[in-house]
PDB file of all heavy atoms in Angstrom:
ATOM      1  N   LEU A   1     -50.080   2.167  89.970  1.00  0.00           N
ATOM      2  CA  LEU A   1     -51.337   1.429  90.082  1.00  0.00           C
ATOM      3  C   LEU A   1     -51.368   0.122  89.281  1.00  0.00           C
ATOM      4  O   LEU A   1     -52.110  -0.777  89.583  1.00  0.00           O
ATOM      5  CB  LEU A   1     -52.492   2.351  89.549  1.00  0.00           C
ATOM      6  CG  LEU A   1     -52.818   3.567  90.363  1.00  0.00           C
ATOM      7  CD1 LEU A   1     -53.832   4.494  89.608  1.00  0.00           C
ATOM      8  CD2 LEU A   1     -53.368   3.196  91.737  1.00  0.00           C
ATOM      9  N   ALA A   2     -50.509   0.081  88.261  1.00  0.00           N
ATOM     10  CA  ALA A   2     -50.384  -1.135  87.461  1.00  0.00           C
ATOM     11  C   ALA A   2     -49.257  -2.073  87.909  1.00  0.00           C
ATOM     12  O   ALA A   2     -49.009  -3.079  87.275  1.00  0.00           O
ATOM     13  CB  ALA A   2     -50.189  -0.768  85.996  1.00  0.00           C
ATOM     14  N   GLY A   3     -48.580  -1.675  88.973  1.00  0.00           N
ATOM     15  CA  GLY A   3     -47.536  -2.552  89.495  1.00  0.00           C
ATOM     16  C   GLY A   3     -46.143  -2.209  88.990  1.00  0.00           C
ATOM     17  O   GLY A   3     -45.204  -3.019  89.242  1.00  0.00           O
ATOM     18  N   PHE A   4     -45.926  -1.118  88.309  1.00  0.00           N
ATOM     19  CA  PHE A   4     -44.620  -0.720  87.767  1.00  0.00           C
ATOM     20  C   PHE A   4     -43.839   0.167  88.718  1.00  0.00           C
ATOM     21  O   PHE A   4     -44.404   0.838  89.537  1.00  0.00           O
ATOM     22  CB  PHE A   4     -44.798   0.020  86.462  1.00  0.00           C
ATOM     23  CG  PHE A   4     -45.266  -0.793  85.249  1.00  0.00           C
ATOM     24  CD1 PHE A   4     -46.583  -0.752  84.868  1.00  0.00           C
ATOM     25  CD2 PHE A   4     -44.360  -1.583  84.524  1.00  0.00           C
ATOM     26  CE1 PHE A   4     -47.011  -1.466  83.741  1.00  0.00           C
ATOM     27  CE2 PHE A   4     -44.779  -2.304  83.440  1.00  0.00           C
ATOM     28  CZ  PHE A   4     -46.099  -2.262  83.068  1.00  0.00           C
ATOM     29  N   GLU A   5     -42.559   0.174  88.515  1.00  0.00           N
ATOM     30  CA  GLU A   5     -41.636   1.126  89.125  1.00  0.00           C
ATOM     31  C   GLU A   5     -40.921   1.901  88.047  1.00  0.00           C
ATOM     32  O   GLU A   5     -40.604   1.325  86.993  1.00  0.00           O
ATOM     33  CB  GLU A   5     -40.610   0.445  90.040  1.00  0.00           C
ATOM     34  CG  GLU A   5     -41.248  -0.301  91.222  1.00  0.00           C
ATOM     35  CD  GLU A   5     -40.167  -1.010  92.055  1.00  0.00           C
ATOM     36  OE1 GLU A   5     -38.997  -1.034  91.627  1.00  0.00           O
ATOM     37  OE2 GLU A   5     -40.532  -1.529  93.156  1.00  0.00           O
ATOM     38  N   LEU A   6     -40.667   3.187  88.289  1.00  0.00           N
ATOM     39  CA  LEU A   6     -39.916   3.968  87.337  1.00  0.00           C
ATOM     40  C   LEU A   6     -38.448   3.584  87.371  1.00  0.00           C
ATOM     41  O   LEU A   6     -37.809   3.622  88.397  1.00  0.00           O
ATOM     42  CB  LEU A   6     -40.024   5.453  87.654  1.00  0.00           C
ATOM     43  CG  LEU A   6     -39.245   6.394  86.721  1.00  0.00           C
ATOM     44  CD1 LEU A   6     -39.814   6.391  85.275  1.00  0.00           C
ATOM     45  CD2 LEU A   6     -39.317   7.849  87.296  1.00  0.00           C
ATOM     46  N   GLU A   7     -37.958   3.111  86.238  1.00  0.00           N
ATOM     47  CA  GLU A   7     -36.567   2.695  86.138  1.00  0.00           C
ATOM     48  C   GLU A   7     -35.641   3.851  85.699  1.00  0.00           C
ATOM     49  O   GLU A   7     -34.556   4.022  86.192  1.00  0.00           O
ATOM     50  CB  GLU A   7     -36.394   1.485  85.179  1.00  0.00           C
ATOM     51  CG  GLU A   7     -34.990   0.983  85.086  1.00  0.00           C
ATOM     52  CD  GLU A   7     -34.885  -0.269  84.199  1.00  0.00           C
ATOM     53  OE1 GLU A   7     -35.065  -0.154  82.963  1.00  0.00           O
ATOM     54  OE2 GLU A   7     -34.719  -1.364  84.729  1.00  0.00           O
ATOM     55  N   SER A   8     -36.110   4.603  84.722  1.00  0.00           N
ATOM     56  CA  SER A   8     -35.325   5.749  84.256  1.00  0.00           C
ATOM     57  C   SER A   8     -36.242   6.735  83.511  1.00  0.00           C
ATOM     58  O   SER A   8     -37.274   6.380  83.041  1.00  0.00           O
ATOM     59  CB  SER A   8     -34.232   5.321  83.308  1.00  0.00           C
ATOM     60  OG  SER A   8     -34.758   4.776  82.076  1.00  0.00           O
ATOM     61  N   ARG A   9     -35.775   8.007  83.438  1.00  0.00           N
ATOM     62  CA  ARG A   9     -36.437   9.028  82.641  1.00  0.00           C
ATOM     63  C   ARG A   9     -35.384   9.918  82.062  1.00  0.00           C
ATOM     64  O   ARG A   9     -34.512  10.484  82.771  1.00  0.00           O
ATOM     65  CB  ARG A   9     -37.448   9.798  83.505  1.00  0.00           C
ATOM     66  CG  ARG A   9     -38.062  10.999  82.746  1.00  0.00           C
ATOM     67  CD  ARG A   9     -39.200  11.619  83.543  1.00  0.00           C
ATOM     68  NE  ARG A   9     -40.370  10.760  83.502  1.00  0.00           N
ATOM     69  CZ  ARG A   9     -41.134  10.462  84.568  1.00  0.00           C
ATOM     70  NH1 ARG A   9     -40.807  10.997  85.757  1.00  0.00           N
ATOM     71  NH2 ARG A   9     -42.140   9.649  84.472  1.00  0.00           N
ATOM     72  N   HIS A  10     -35.433  10.148  80.755  1.00  0.00           N
ATOM     73  CA  HIS A  10     -34.540  11.042  80.056  1.00  0.00           C
ATOM     74  C   HIS A  10     -35.345  11.936  79.174  1.00  0.00           C
ATOM     75  O   HIS A  10     -36.547  11.694  78.829  1.00  0.00           O
ATOM     76  CB  HIS A  10     -33.525  10.231  79.257  1.00  0.00           C
ATOM     77  CG  HIS A  10     -32.587   9.417  80.071  1.00  0.00           C
ATOM     78  ND1 HIS A  10     -32.851   8.111  80.407  1.00  0.00           N
ATOM     79  CD2 HIS A  10     -31.396   9.715  80.623  1.00  0.00           C
ATOM     80  CE1 HIS A  10     -31.869   7.610  81.120  1.00  0.00           C
ATOM     81  NE2 HIS A  10     -30.974   8.597  81.326  1.00  0.00           N
ATOM     82  N   ALA A  11     -34.708  12.998  78.688  1.00  0.00           N
ATOM     83  CA  ALA A  11     -35.381  13.956  77.855  1.00  0.00           C
ATOM     84  C   ALA A  11     -35.572  13.468  76.421  1.00  0.00           C
ATOM     85  O   ALA A  11     -36.448  13.965  75.686  1.00  0.00           O
ATOM     86  CB  ALA A  11     -34.607  15.274  77.842  1.00  0.00           C
ATOM     87  N   ASP A  12     -34.769  12.458  76.036  1.00  0.00           N
ATOM     88  CA  ASP A  12     -34.869  11.910  74.702  1.00  0.00           C
ATOM     89  C   ASP A  12     -34.313  10.506  74.669  1.00  0.00           C
ATOM     90  O   ASP A  12     -33.890   9.945  75.710  1.00  0.00           O
ATOM     91  CB  ASP A  12     -34.092  12.846  73.705  1.00  0.00           C
ATOM     92  CG  ASP A  12     -34.717  12.835  72.325  1.00  0.00           C
ATOM     93  OD1 ASP A  12     -35.370  11.787  71.936  1.00  0.00           O
ATOM     94  OD2 ASP A  12     -34.474  13.780  71.559  1.00  0.00           O
ATOM     95  N   TRP A  13     -34.315   9.897  73.529  1.00  0.00           N
ATOM     96  CA  TRP A  13     -33.832   8.504  73.376  1.00  0.00           C
ATOM     97  C   TRP A  13     -32.352   8.434  73.521  1.00  0.00           C
ATOM     98  O   TRP A  13     -31.790   7.315  73.684  1.00  0.00           O
ATOM     99  CB  TRP A  13     -34.272   7.975  72.037  1.00  0.00           C
ATOM    100  CG  TRP A  13     -35.744   7.852  71.898  1.00  0.00           C
ATOM    101  CD1 TRP A  13     -36.639   8.720  71.234  1.00  0.00           C
ATOM    102  CD2 TRP A  13     -36.600   6.802  72.397  1.00  0.00           C
ATOM    103  NE1 TRP A  13     -37.889   8.304  71.366  1.00  0.00           N
ATOM    104  CE2 TRP A  13     -37.915   7.124  72.021  1.00  0.00           C
ATOM    105  CE3 TRP A  13     -36.362   5.626  73.094  1.00  0.00           C
ATOM    106  CZ2 TRP A  13     -38.993   6.260  72.364  1.00  0.00           C
ATOM    107  CZ3 TRP A  13     -37.424   4.780  73.421  1.00  0.00           C
ATOM    108  CH2 TRP A  13     -38.739   5.145  73.056  1.00  0.00           C
ATOM    109  N   ASP A  14     -31.627   9.547  73.489  1.00  0.00           N
ATOM    110  CA  ASP A  14     -30.155   9.539  73.498  1.00  0.00           C
ATOM    111  C   ASP A  14     -29.626   9.690  74.911  1.00  0.00           C
ATOM    112  O   ASP A  14     -28.420  10.045  75.125  1.00  0.00           O
ATOM    113  CB  ASP A  14     -29.592  10.651  72.638  1.00  0.00           C
ATOM    114  CG  ASP A  14     -30.106  12.026  73.052  1.00  0.00           C
ATOM    115  OD1 ASP A  14     -30.804  12.142  74.058  1.00  0.00           O
ATOM    116  OD2 ASP A  14     -29.764  13.021  72.349  1.00  0.00           O
ATOM    117  N   PHE A  15     -30.436   9.480  75.981  1.00  0.00           N
ATOM    118  CA  PHE A  15     -30.060   9.529  77.345  1.00  0.00           C
ATOM    119  C   PHE A  15     -29.754  10.926  77.850  1.00  0.00           C
ATOM    120  O   PHE A  15     -29.122  11.127  78.903  1.00  0.00           O
ATOM    121  CB  PHE A  15     -28.849   8.628  77.647  1.00  0.00           C
ATOM    122  CG  PHE A  15     -29.078   7.162  77.386  1.00  0.00           C
ATOM    123  CD1 PHE A  15     -28.698   6.569  76.224  1.00  0.00           C
ATOM    124  CD2 PHE A  15     -29.625   6.408  78.420  1.00  0.00           C
ATOM    125  CE1 PHE A  15     -28.937   5.246  76.007  1.00  0.00           C
ATOM    126  CE2 PHE A  15     -29.843   5.038  78.171  1.00  0.00           C
ATOM    127  CZ  PHE A  15     -29.510   4.450  76.978  1.00  0.00           C
ATOM    128  N   SER A  16     -30.200  11.975  77.091  1.00  0.00           N
ATOM    129  CA  SER A  16     -30.003  13.372  77.576  1.00  0.00           C
ATOM    130  C   SER A  16     -30.848  13.562  78.872  1.00  0.00           C
ATOM    131  O   SER A  16     -31.890  12.960  79.087  1.00  0.00           O
ATOM    132  CB  SER A  16     -30.391  14.351  76.478  1.00  0.00           C
ATOM    133  OG  SER A  16     -31.737  14.075  76.014  1.00  0.00           O
ATOM    134  N   GLU A  17     -30.289  14.395  79.726  1.00  0.00           N
ATOM    135  CA  GLU A  17     -30.883  14.655  81.050  1.00  0.00           C
ATOM    136  C   GLU A  17     -32.289  15.249  80.966  1.00  0.00           C
ATOM    137  O   GLU A  17     -32.489  16.182  80.189  1.00  0.00           O
ATOM    138  CB  GLU A  17     -29.978  15.545  81.890  1.00  0.00           C
ATOM    139  CG  GLU A  17     -30.460  15.782  83.315  1.00  0.00           C
ATOM    140  CD  GLU A  17     -29.606  16.740  84.105  1.00  0.00           C
ATOM    141  OE1 GLU A  17     -28.663  17.268  83.481  1.00  0.00           O
ATOM    142  OE2 GLU A  17     -29.896  16.953  85.297  1.00  0.00           O
ATOM    143  N   PHE A  18     -33.169  14.735  81.770  1.00  0.00           N
ATOM    144  CA  PHE A  18     -34.521  15.315  81.883  1.00  0.00           C
ATOM    145  C   PHE A  18     -34.489  16.432  82.898  1.00  0.00           C
ATOM    146  O   PHE A  18     -34.080  16.228  84.058  1.00  0.00           O
ATOM    147  CB  PHE A  18     -35.539  14.239  82.256  1.00  0.00           C
ATOM    148  CG  PHE A  18     -36.943  14.817  82.425  1.00  0.00           C
ATOM    149  CD1 PHE A  18     -37.685  15.139  81.289  1.00  0.00           C
ATOM    150  CD2 PHE A  18     -37.521  14.996  83.621  1.00  0.00           C
ATOM    151  CE1 PHE A  18     -38.984  15.629  81.353  1.00  0.00           C
ATOM    152  CE2 PHE A  18     -38.796  15.505  83.758  1.00  0.00           C
ATOM    153  CZ  PHE A  18     -39.497  15.809  82.625  1.00  0.00           C
ATOM    154  N   THR A  19     -34.869  17.656  82.509  1.00  0.00           N
ATOM    155  CA  THR A  19     -34.840  18.804  83.379  1.00  0.00           C
ATOM    156  C   THR A  19     -36.174  19.510  83.383  1.00  0.00           C
ATOM    157  O   THR A  19     -37.130  19.159  82.672  1.00  0.00           O
ATOM    158  CB  THR A  19     -33.753  19.814  82.974  1.00  0.00           C
ATOM    159  OG1 THR A  19     -34.160  20.435  81.772  1.00  0.00           O
ATOM    160  CG2 THR A  19     -32.408  19.083  82.761  1.00  0.00           C
ATOM    161  N   ALA A  20     -36.273  20.610  84.188  1.00  0.00           N
ATOM    162  CA  ALA A  20     -37.495  21.390  84.205  1.00  0.00           C
ATOM    163  C   ALA A  20     -37.788  22.074  82.883  1.00  0.00           C
ATOM    164  O   ALA A  20     -38.951  22.493  82.648  1.00  0.00           O
ATOM    165  CB  ALA A  20     -37.401  22.415  85.316  1.00  0.00           C
ATOM    166  N   GLU A  21     -36.768  22.143  82.017  1.00  0.00           N
ATOM    167  CA  GLU A  21     -36.948  22.819  80.719  1.00  0.00           C
ATOM    168  C   GLU A  21     -37.209  21.819  79.594  1.00  0.00           C
ATOM    169  O   GLU A  21     -37.423  22.224  78.476  1.00  0.00           O
ATOM    170  CB  GLU A  21     -35.715  23.639  80.396  1.00  0.00           C
ATOM    171  CG  GLU A  21     -35.342  24.692  81.441  1.00  0.00           C
ATOM    172  CD  GLU A  21     -36.491  25.640  81.752  1.00  0.00           C
ATOM    173  OE1 GLU A  21     -37.169  26.072  80.788  1.00  0.00           O
ATOM    174  OE2 GLU A  21     -36.693  25.927  82.919  1.00  0.00           O
ATOM    175  N   SER A  22     -37.220  20.513  79.888  1.00  0.00           N
ATOM    176  CA  SER A  22     -37.384  19.518  78.839  1.00  0.00           C
ATOM    177  C   SER A  22     -38.815  19.600  78.339  1.00  0.00           C
ATOM    178  O   SER A  22     -39.792  19.741  79.051  1.00  0.00           O
ATOM    179  CB  SER A  22     -37.118  18.184  79.382  1.00  0.00           C
ATOM    180  OG  SER A  22     -35.775  17.992  79.809  1.00  0.00           O
ATOM    181  N   ARG A  23     -38.941  19.444  76.960  1.00  0.00           N
ATOM    182  CA  ARG A  23     -40.238  19.518  76.355  1.00  0.00           C
ATOM    183  C   ARG A  23     -40.880  18.138  76.105  1.00  0.00           C
ATOM    184  O   ARG A  23     -42.020  18.000  75.709  1.00  0.00           O
ATOM    185  CB  ARG A  23     -40.140  20.228  74.987  1.00  0.00           C
ATOM    186  CG  ARG A  23     -39.702  21.694  75.095  1.00  0.00           C
ATOM    187  CD  ARG A  23     -39.654  22.334  73.760  1.00  0.00           C
ATOM    188  NE  ARG A  23     -40.979  22.348  73.103  1.00  0.00           N
ATOM    189  CZ  ARG A  23     -41.185  22.830  71.874  1.00  0.00           C
ATOM    190  NH1 ARG A  23     -40.180  23.371  71.201  1.00  0.00           N
ATOM    191  NH2 ARG A  23     -42.387  22.781  71.327  1.00  0.00           N
ATOM    192  N   SER A  24     -40.050  17.086  76.393  1.00  0.00           N
ATOM    193  CA  SER A  24     -40.586  15.689  76.268  1.00  0.00           C
ATOM    194  C   SER A  24     -39.758  14.816  77.147  1.00  0.00           C
ATOM    195  O   SER A  24     -38.727  15.192  77.729  1.00  0.00           O
ATOM    196  CB  SER A  24     -40.511  15.228  74.807  1.00  0.00           C
ATOM    197  OG  SER A  24     -39.176  15.189  74.369  1.00  0.00           O
TER     198      SER A  24
END
């Protein structure tokens, strides 16, 4: 809605993989 596109998503700042079990 604000004109952005998702570039990346990780589970933490260390580039760990975001999964269904990720808490953040």
